Amino acid sequence: MSFTSDQPSMDELPLLQALLGGTRRQIVQLLRPEDRTVRELADHLGLTRNAVRAQLSNLKSDGIVEVTGRRPTERKPEHVYGLTRKAEDLFPKPYDTLLNTLLSVLQKTEWVNADPILEETGRRLGQMEKPDVLVSEASVRVGHARDVLEKMGGLPQMHEEEQQYRLEGSSCPLSASVRAHGEVACDLARAMIEELTELPVERRCDADGECPQCEFVVDAT
């Protein structure tokens, strides 16, 4: 019996270590939530455009960054840069590796129903990250859940809409598991968020495609 994993190989790990500091890491972090132009990156970093182009050239050579399109401007179109699939897989996701392997095992064990196991696993993960004193403000609870997802390797954004809080992001902390096993893996994250916030959570994730999109709606009404 063998299992495949989308996690980085040992040969790729030194590349990840190279991104842990300096301007290249800042560029990668800026490109995780959205694609950007050289001008936008330079404005965020306080660098010259030529300095940013030099860093982008190195990142393109490493297979971390690619040109994703062109954006019209008043003068001439600018290239838009984004992260490659390889870049997302290089971010550490220890939960993803464990869950992907567990789901592979459970799927080969026909007499086991994985749903309640994932539900309980998510709740226990939430209990591990739960503060000793749960504050009453829903925004603080959801903000803490967002921080936990970020620690797991995601990059969620929080939006408030009429006593509902939406956690969404293009960097799924369980992307390998979602790609291999579908939205069943998202139920673990949903249960964890419910445990952290003690509020009902609706999952609206998009598990299709190469880069799963996370979306959880926390109801504070």
C-alpha atoms as a PDB file:
ATOM      1  CA  MET A   1       0.000   0.000   0.000  1.00  0.00           C
ATOM      2  CA  SER A   2       1.342   3.434  -0.889  1.00  0.00           C
ATOM      3  CA  PHE A   3       0.082   6.960  -0.506  1.00  0.00           C
ATOM      4  CA  THR A   4       0.963  10.028  -2.526  1.00  0.00           C
ATOM      5  CA  SER A   5       1.493  13.470  -1.023  1.00  0.00           C
ATOM      6  CA  ASP A   6       1.523  16.964  -2.474  1.00  0.00           C
ATOM      7  CA  GLN A   7       3.889  18.170   0.237  1.00  0.00           C
ATOM      8  CA  PRO A   8       7.407  19.403  -0.690  1.00  0.00           C
ATOM      9  CA  SER A   9      10.125  16.807  -1.148  1.00  0.00           C
ATOM     10  CA  MET A  10      13.433  16.995   0.711  1.00  0.00           C
ATOM     11  CA  ASP A  11      15.015  18.499  -2.422  1.00  0.00           C
ATOM     12  CA  GLU A  12      12.541  21.402  -2.281  1.00  0.00           C
ATOM     13  CA  LEU A  13      12.901  22.190   1.410  1.00  0.00           C
ATOM     14  CA  PRO A  14      16.111  24.255   1.021  1.00  0.00           C
ATOM     15  CA  LEU A  15      14.180  26.526  -1.348  1.00  0.00           C
ATOM     16  CA  LEU A  16      11.557  27.057   1.333  1.00  0.00           C
ATOM     17  CA  GLN A  17      14.260  27.927   3.841  1.00  0.00           C
ATOM     18  CA  ALA A  18      15.637  30.505   1.395  1.00  0.00           C
ATOM     19  CA  LEU A  19      12.273  32.270   1.461  1.00  0.00           C
ATOM     20  CA  LEU A  20      12.168  32.631   5.241  1.00  0.00           C
ATOM     21  CA  GLY A  21      13.844  36.016   5.269  1.00  0.00           C
ATOM     22  CA  GLY A  22      14.491  39.102   3.222  1.00  0.00           C
ATOM     23  CA  THR A  23      12.639  40.815   0.440  1.00  0.00           C
ATOM     24  CA  ARG A  24      11.732  37.618  -1.406  1.00  0.00           C
ATOM     25  CA  ARG A  25       9.708  36.369   1.525  1.00  0.00           C
ATOM     26  CA  GLN A  26       7.891  39.721   1.733  1.00  0.00           C
ATOM     27  CA  ILE A  27       7.042  39.508  -1.966  1.00  0.00           C
ATOM     28  CA  VAL A  28       5.731  35.970  -1.582  1.00  0.00           C
ATOM     29  CA  GLN A  29       3.592  37.000   1.380  1.00  0.00           C
ATOM     30  CA  LEU A  30       2.154  39.927  -0.602  1.00  0.00           C
ATOM     31  CA  LEU A  31       1.335  37.660  -3.538  1.00  0.00           C
ATOM     32  CA  ARG A  32      -0.411  35.001  -1.464  1.00  0.00           C
ATOM     33  CA  PRO A  33      -3.753  36.842  -1.103  1.00  0.00           C
ATOM     34  CA  GLU A  34      -3.745  38.442  -4.557  1.00  0.00           C
ATOM     35  CA  ASP A  35      -1.705  38.914  -7.731  1.00  0.00           C
ATOM     36  CA  ARG A  36       0.102  42.244  -8.018  1.00  0.00           C
ATOM     37  CA  THR A  37       2.105  44.371 -10.448  1.00  0.00           C
ATOM     38  CA  VAL A  38       5.702  45.501  -9.976  1.00  0.00           C
ATOM     39  CA  ARG A  39       4.438  48.978  -9.147  1.00  0.00           C
ATOM     40  CA  GLU A  40       2.088  47.668  -6.451  1.00  0.00           C
ATOM     41  CA  LEU A  41       4.811  45.525  -4.901  1.00  0.00           C
ATOM     42  CA  ALA A  42       7.275  48.425  -4.946  1.00  0.00           C
ATOM     43  CA  ASP A  43       4.739  50.703  -3.228  1.00  0.00           C
ATOM     44  CA  HIS A  44       4.085  48.141  -0.486  1.00  0.00           C
ATOM     45  CA  LEU A  45       7.761  47.394   0.099  1.00  0.00           C
ATOM     46  CA  GLY A  46       9.129  50.925  -0.266  1.00  0.00           C
ATOM     47  CA  LEU A  47      11.597  49.761  -2.932  1.00  0.00           C
ATOM     48  CA  THR A  48      12.390  50.855  -6.447  1.00  0.00           C
ATOM     49  CA  ARG A  49      10.676  49.010  -9.278  1.00  0.00           C
ATOM     50  CA  ASN A  50      14.019  47.800 -10.591  1.00  0.00           C
ATOM     51  CA  ALA A  51      14.802  46.256  -7.199  1.00  0.00           C
ATOM     52  CA  VAL A  52      11.451  44.453  -7.212  1.00  0.00           C
ATOM     53  CA  ARG A  53      11.982  43.255 -10.800  1.00  0.00           C
ATOM     54  CA  ALA A  54      15.327  41.757  -9.805  1.00  0.00           C
ATOM     55  CA  GLN A  55      13.723  39.817  -6.939  1.00  0.00           C
ATOM     56  CA  LEU A  56      10.850  38.677  -9.148  1.00  0.00           C
ATOM     57  CA  SER A  57      13.344  37.435 -11.715  1.00  0.00           C
ATOM     58  CA  ASN A  58      14.994  35.248  -9.064  1.00  0.00           C
ATOM     59  CA  LEU A  59      11.630  33.963  -7.859  1.00  0.00           C
ATOM     60  CA  LYS A  60      10.591  33.145 -11.430  1.00  0.00           C
ATOM     61  CA  SER A  61      13.821  31.188 -11.926  1.00  0.00           C
ATOM     62  CA  ASP A  62      13.015  29.192  -8.776  1.00  0.00           C
ATOM     63  CA  GLY A  63       9.513  28.415 -10.064  1.00  0.00           C
ATOM     64  CA  ILE A  64       7.862  30.367  -7.242  1.00  0.00           C
ATOM     65  CA  VAL A  65       6.384  33.296  -9.212  1.00  0.00           C
ATOM     66  CA  GLU A  66       4.853  33.532 -12.673  1.00  0.00           C
ATOM     67  CA  VAL A  67       3.227  36.161 -14.871  1.00  0.00           C
ATOM     68  CA  THR A  68      -0.541  35.693 -14.586  1.00  0.00           C
ATOM     69  CA  GLY A  69      -1.745  38.473 -16.891  1.00  0.00           C
ATOM     70  CA  ARG A  70      -1.512  42.101 -17.867  1.00  0.00           C
ATOM     71  CA  ARG A  71      -3.252  45.108 -16.332  1.00  0.00           C
ATOM     72  CA  PRO A  72      -4.028  48.244 -18.391  1.00  0.00           C
ATOM     73  CA  THR A  73      -2.723  51.587 -17.126  1.00  0.00           C
ATOM     74  CA  GLU A  74      -2.763  55.153 -18.438  1.00  0.00           C
ATOM     75  CA  ARG A  75       0.642  54.646 -20.074  1.00  0.00           C
ATOM     76  CA  LYS A  76       1.036  50.987 -21.021  1.00  0.00           C
ATOM     77  CA  PRO A  77      -0.112  47.589 -19.695  1.00  0.00           C
ATOM     78  CA  GLU A  78       1.799  46.177 -16.718  1.00  0.00           C
ATOM     79  CA  HIS A  79       2.554  42.529 -16.080  1.00  0.00           C
ATOM     80  CA  VAL A  80       0.713  40.995 -13.137  1.00  0.00           C
ATOM     81  CA  TYR A  81       2.578  38.462 -11.017  1.00  0.00           C
ATOM     82  CA  GLY A  82       1.238  35.623  -8.892  1.00  0.00           C
ATOM     83  CA  LEU A  83       2.410  32.518  -7.067  1.00  0.00           C
ATOM     84  CA  THR A  84       2.715  29.177  -8.811  1.00  0.00           C
ATOM     85  CA  ARG A  85       1.188  25.939  -7.561  1.00  0.00           C
ATOM     86  CA  LYS A  86       4.683  24.915  -6.439  1.00  0.00           C
ATOM     87  CA  ALA A  87       4.900  28.002  -4.232  1.00  0.00           C
ATOM     88  CA  GLU A  88       1.710  27.160  -2.333  1.00  0.00           C
ATOM     89  CA  ASP A  89       2.880  23.580  -1.770  1.00  0.00           C
ATOM     90  CA  LEU A  90       6.137  24.842  -0.263  1.00  0.00           C
ATOM     91  CA  PHE A  91       4.388  26.578   2.631  1.00  0.00           C
ATOM     92  CA  PRO A  92       4.436  24.378   5.740  1.00  0.00           C
ATOM     93  CA  LYS A  93       1.124  22.614   6.305  1.00  0.00           C
ATOM     94  CA  PRO A  94       1.690  19.892   8.926  1.00  0.00           C
ATOM     95  CA  TYR A  95      -2.039  19.457   9.494  1.00  0.00           C
ATOM     96  CA  ASP A  96      -2.544  18.904   5.780  1.00  0.00           C
ATOM     97  CA  THR A  97       0.038  16.117   5.604  1.00  0.00           C
ATOM     98  CA  LEU A  98      -1.502  14.306   8.561  1.00  0.00           C
ATOM     99  CA  LEU A  99      -5.079  14.700   7.353  1.00  0.00           C
ATOM    100  CA  ASN A 100      -4.296  13.635   3.783  1.00  0.00           C
ATOM    101  CA  THR A 101      -2.675  10.426   5.033  1.00  0.00           C
ATOM    102  CA  LEU A 102      -5.495   9.739   7.507  1.00  0.00           C
ATOM    103  CA  LEU A 103      -8.186  10.166   4.863  1.00  0.00           C
ATOM    104  CA  SER A 104      -6.313   7.854   2.509  1.00  0.00           C
ATOM    105  CA  VAL A 105      -6.291   5.191   5.217  1.00  0.00           C
ATOM    106  CA  LEU A 106      -9.957   5.673   6.113  1.00  0.00           C
ATOM    107  CA  GLN A 107     -11.042   5.457   2.486  1.00  0.00           C
ATOM    108  CA  LYS A 108      -9.427   2.042   2.234  1.00  0.00           C
ATOM    109  CA  THR A 109     -11.255   0.914   5.386  1.00  0.00           C
ATOM    110  CA  GLU A 110     -14.843   0.465   4.234  1.00  0.00           C
ATOM    111  CA  TRP A 111     -16.321  -0.161   7.677  1.00  0.00           C
ATOM    112  CA  VAL A 112     -15.239   3.249   9.019  1.00  0.00           C
ATOM    113  CA  ASN A 113     -17.367   6.388   8.537  1.00  0.00           C
ATOM    114  CA  ALA A 114     -14.894   9.273   8.324  1.00  0.00           C
ATOM    115  CA  ASP A 115     -17.432  12.089   8.865  1.00  0.00           C
ATOM    116  CA  PRO A 116     -17.826  11.864  12.674  1.00  0.00           C
ATOM    117  CA  ILE A 117     -14.101  11.245  13.039  1.00  0.00           C
ATOM    118  CA  LEU A 118     -13.287  14.452  11.159  1.00  0.00           C
ATOM    119  CA  GLU A 119     -15.920  16.358  13.134  1.00  0.00           C
ATOM    120  CA  GLU A 120     -14.434  15.264  16.451  1.00  0.00           C
ATOM    121  CA  THR A 121     -10.871  15.882  15.226  1.00  0.00           C
ATOM    122  CA  GLY A 122     -11.763  19.445  14.249  1.00  0.00           C
ATOM    123  CA  ARG A 123     -13.380  20.092  17.612  1.00  0.00           C
ATOM    124  CA  ARG A 124     -10.376  18.747  19.487  1.00  0.00           C
ATOM    125  CA  LEU A 125      -8.036  20.918  17.426  1.00  0.00           C
ATOM    126  CA  GLY A 126     -10.246  23.865  18.346  1.00  0.00           C
ATOM    127  CA  GLN A 127     -10.065  22.955  22.027  1.00  0.00           C
ATOM    128  CA  MET A 128      -6.263  22.884  21.834  1.00  0.00           C
ATOM    129  CA  GLU A 129      -6.189  26.447  20.433  1.00  0.00           C
ATOM    130  CA  LYS A 130      -9.034  27.830  22.510  1.00  0.00           C
ATOM    131  CA  PRO A 131      -8.244  30.619  24.996  1.00  0.00           C
ATOM    132  CA  ASP A 132      -8.854  29.922  28.675  1.00  0.00           C
ATOM    133  CA  VAL A 133     -11.422  32.706  28.826  1.00  0.00           C
ATOM    134  CA  LEU A 134     -13.770  33.082  25.859  1.00  0.00           C
ATOM    135  CA  VAL A 135     -14.621  36.757  25.289  1.00  0.00           C
ATOM    136  CA  SER A 136     -18.176  37.797  24.510  1.00  0.00           C
ATOM    137  CA  GLU A 137     -17.401  39.839  21.380  1.00  0.00           C
ATOM    138  CA  ALA A 138     -17.990  37.701  18.301  1.00  0.00           C
ATOM    139  CA  SER A 139     -15.476  39.681  16.255  1.00  0.00           C
ATOM    140  CA  VAL A 140     -12.691  38.787  18.687  1.00  0.00           C
ATOM    141  CA  ARG A 141     -13.638  35.095  18.625  1.00  0.00           C
ATOM    142  CA  VAL A 142     -13.713  34.985  14.830  1.00  0.00           C
ATOM    143  CA  GLY A 143     -10.470  36.945  14.686  1.00  0.00           C
ATOM    144  CA  HIS A 144      -8.820  34.305  16.845  1.00  0.00           C
ATOM    145  CA  ALA A 145     -10.140  31.564  14.543  1.00  0.00           C
ATOM    146  CA  ARG A 146      -8.631  33.441  11.610  1.00  0.00           C
ATOM    147  CA  ASP A 147      -5.270  33.551  13.414  1.00  0.00           C
ATOM    148  CA  VAL A 148      -5.399  29.785  14.021  1.00  0.00           C
ATOM    149  CA  LEU A 149      -6.108  29.120  10.338  1.00  0.00           C
ATOM    150  CA  GLU A 150      -3.178  31.358   9.432  1.00  0.00           C
ATOM    151  CA  LYS A 151      -0.927  29.433  11.808  1.00  0.00           C
ATOM    152  CA  MET A 152      -1.984  26.247  10.027  1.00  0.00           C
ATOM    153  CA  GLY A 153      -0.727  27.658   6.740  1.00  0.00           C
ATOM    154  CA  GLY A 154      -3.737  29.534   5.384  1.00  0.00           C
ATOM    155  CA  LEU A 155      -4.152  33.224   4.728  1.00  0.00           C
ATOM    156  CA  PRO A 156      -7.810  34.020   5.469  1.00  0.00           C
ATOM    157  CA  GLN A 157      -9.430  37.439   5.387  1.00  0.00           C
ATOM    158  CA  MET A 158     -12.277  38.341   7.757  1.00  0.00           C
ATOM    159  CA  HIS A 159     -15.293  40.355   6.594  1.00  0.00           C
ATOM    160  CA  GLU A 160     -18.289  41.434   8.691  1.00  0.00           C
ATOM    161  CA  GLU A 161     -21.748  41.627   7.135  1.00  0.00           C
ATOM    162  CA  GLU A 162     -24.804  42.217   9.360  1.00  0.00           C
ATOM    163  CA  GLN A 163     -23.704  40.134  12.359  1.00  0.00           C
ATOM    164  CA  GLN A 164     -22.206  37.507  10.110  1.00  0.00           C
ATOM    165  CA  TYR A 165     -18.478  37.042   9.750  1.00  0.00           C
ATOM    166  CA  ARG A 166     -17.008  35.613   6.571  1.00  0.00           C
ATOM    167  CA  LEU A 167     -13.598  33.941   6.616  1.00  0.00           C
ATOM    168  CA  GLU A 168     -12.297  33.509   3.095  1.00  0.00           C
ATOM    169  CA  GLY A 169      -8.960  32.951   1.471  1.00  0.00           C
ATOM    170  CA  SER A 170      -7.266  31.673  -1.651  1.00  0.00           C
ATOM    171  CA  SER A 171      -4.598  29.812   0.314  1.00  0.00           C
ATOM    172  CA  CYS A 172      -6.252  26.737   1.807  1.00  0.00           C
ATOM    173  CA  PRO A 173      -4.364  25.253   4.797  1.00  0.00           C
ATOM    174  CA  LEU A 174      -5.701  21.797   3.824  1.00  0.00           C
ATOM    175  CA  SER A 175      -5.277  22.173   0.062  1.00  0.00           C
ATOM    176  CA  ALA A 176      -3.655  18.790  -0.589  1.00  0.00           C
ATOM    177  CA  SER A 177      -6.393  16.977   1.358  1.00  0.00           C
ATOM    178  CA  VAL A 178      -9.149  18.966  -0.358  1.00  0.00           C
ATOM    179  CA  ARG A 179      -7.710  18.268  -3.811  1.00  0.00           C
ATOM    180  CA  ALA A 180      -7.456  14.550  -3.034  1.00  0.00           C
ATOM    181  CA  HIS A 181     -10.635  14.004  -1.017  1.00  0.00           C
ATOM    182  CA  GLY A 182     -13.008  16.873  -1.770  1.00  0.00           C
ATOM    183  CA  GLU A 183     -14.941  19.042   0.664  1.00  0.00           C
ATOM    184  CA  VAL A 184     -15.025  16.315   3.303  1.00  0.00           C
ATOM    185  CA  ALA A 185     -11.677  17.748   4.439  1.00  0.00           C
ATOM    186  CA  CYS A 186     -13.280  21.186   4.831  1.00  0.00           C
ATOM    187  CA  ASP A 187     -15.614  19.800   7.502  1.00  0.00           C
ATOM    188  CA  LEU A 188     -12.665  19.466   9.854  1.00  0.00           C
ATOM    189  CA  ALA A 189     -11.891  23.175   9.545  1.00  0.00           C
ATOM    190  CA  ARG A 190     -15.583  24.045   9.953  1.00  0.00           C
ATOM    191  CA  ALA A 191     -15.825  22.038  13.171  1.00  0.00           C
ATOM    192  CA  MET A 192     -12.640  23.633  14.474  1.00  0.00           C
ATOM    193  CA  ILE A 193     -13.977  27.150  13.813  1.00  0.00           C
ATOM    194  CA  GLU A 194     -17.270  26.276  15.545  1.00  0.00           C
ATOM    195  CA  GLU A 195     -15.345  25.069  18.583  1.00  0.00           C
ATOM    196  CA  LEU A 196     -13.133  28.166  18.658  1.00  0.00           C
ATOM    197  CA  THR A 197     -16.021  30.623  18.327  1.00  0.00           C
ATOM    198  CA  GLU A 198     -18.872  28.635  19.914  1.00  0.00           C
ATOM    199  CA  LEU A 199     -21.005  29.934  17.056  1.00  0.00           C
ATOM    200  CA  PRO A 200     -22.684  28.127  14.134  1.00  0.00           C
ATOM    201  CA  VAL A 201     -20.533  27.973  10.996  1.00  0.00           C
ATOM    202  CA  GLU A 202     -21.597  27.347   7.410  1.00  0.00           C
ATOM    203  CA  ARG A 203     -19.065  25.956   4.946  1.00  0.00           C
ATOM    204  CA  ARG A 204     -19.085  27.501   1.452  1.00  0.00           C
ATOM    205  CA  CYS A 205     -15.685  26.334   0.218  1.00  0.00           C
ATOM    206  CA  ASP A 206     -14.939  25.769  -3.457  1.00  0.00           C
ATOM    207  CA  ALA A 207     -13.019  22.502  -3.633  1.00  0.00           C
ATOM    208  CA  ASP A 208     -12.812  22.387  -7.433  1.00  0.00           C
ATOM    209  CA  GLY A 209      -9.694  23.302  -9.368  1.00  0.00           C
ATOM    210  CA  GLU A 210      -6.011  23.336  -8.571  1.00  0.00           C
ATOM    211  CA  CYS A 211      -6.266  25.957  -5.809  1.00  0.00           C
ATOM    212  CA  PRO A 212      -9.190  25.372  -3.416  1.00  0.00           C
ATOM    213  CA  GLN A 213     -10.927  28.509  -2.149  1.00  0.00           C
ATOM    214  CA  CYS A 214     -11.861  28.611   1.534  1.00  0.00           C
ATOM    215  CA  GLU A 215     -15.031  30.319   2.760  1.00  0.00           C
ATOM    216  CA  PHE A 216     -16.690  29.907   6.136  1.00  0.00           C
ATOM    217  CA  VAL A 217     -19.600  32.039   7.364  1.00  0.00           C
ATOM    218  CA  VAL A 218     -19.885  32.460  11.139  1.00  0.00           C
ATOM    219  CA  ASP A 219     -23.388  33.444  12.302  1.00  0.00           C
ATOM    220  CA  ALA A 220     -23.317  35.769  15.319  1.00  0.00           C
ATOM    221  CA  THR A 221     -27.013  36.654  15.255  1.00  0.00           C
END
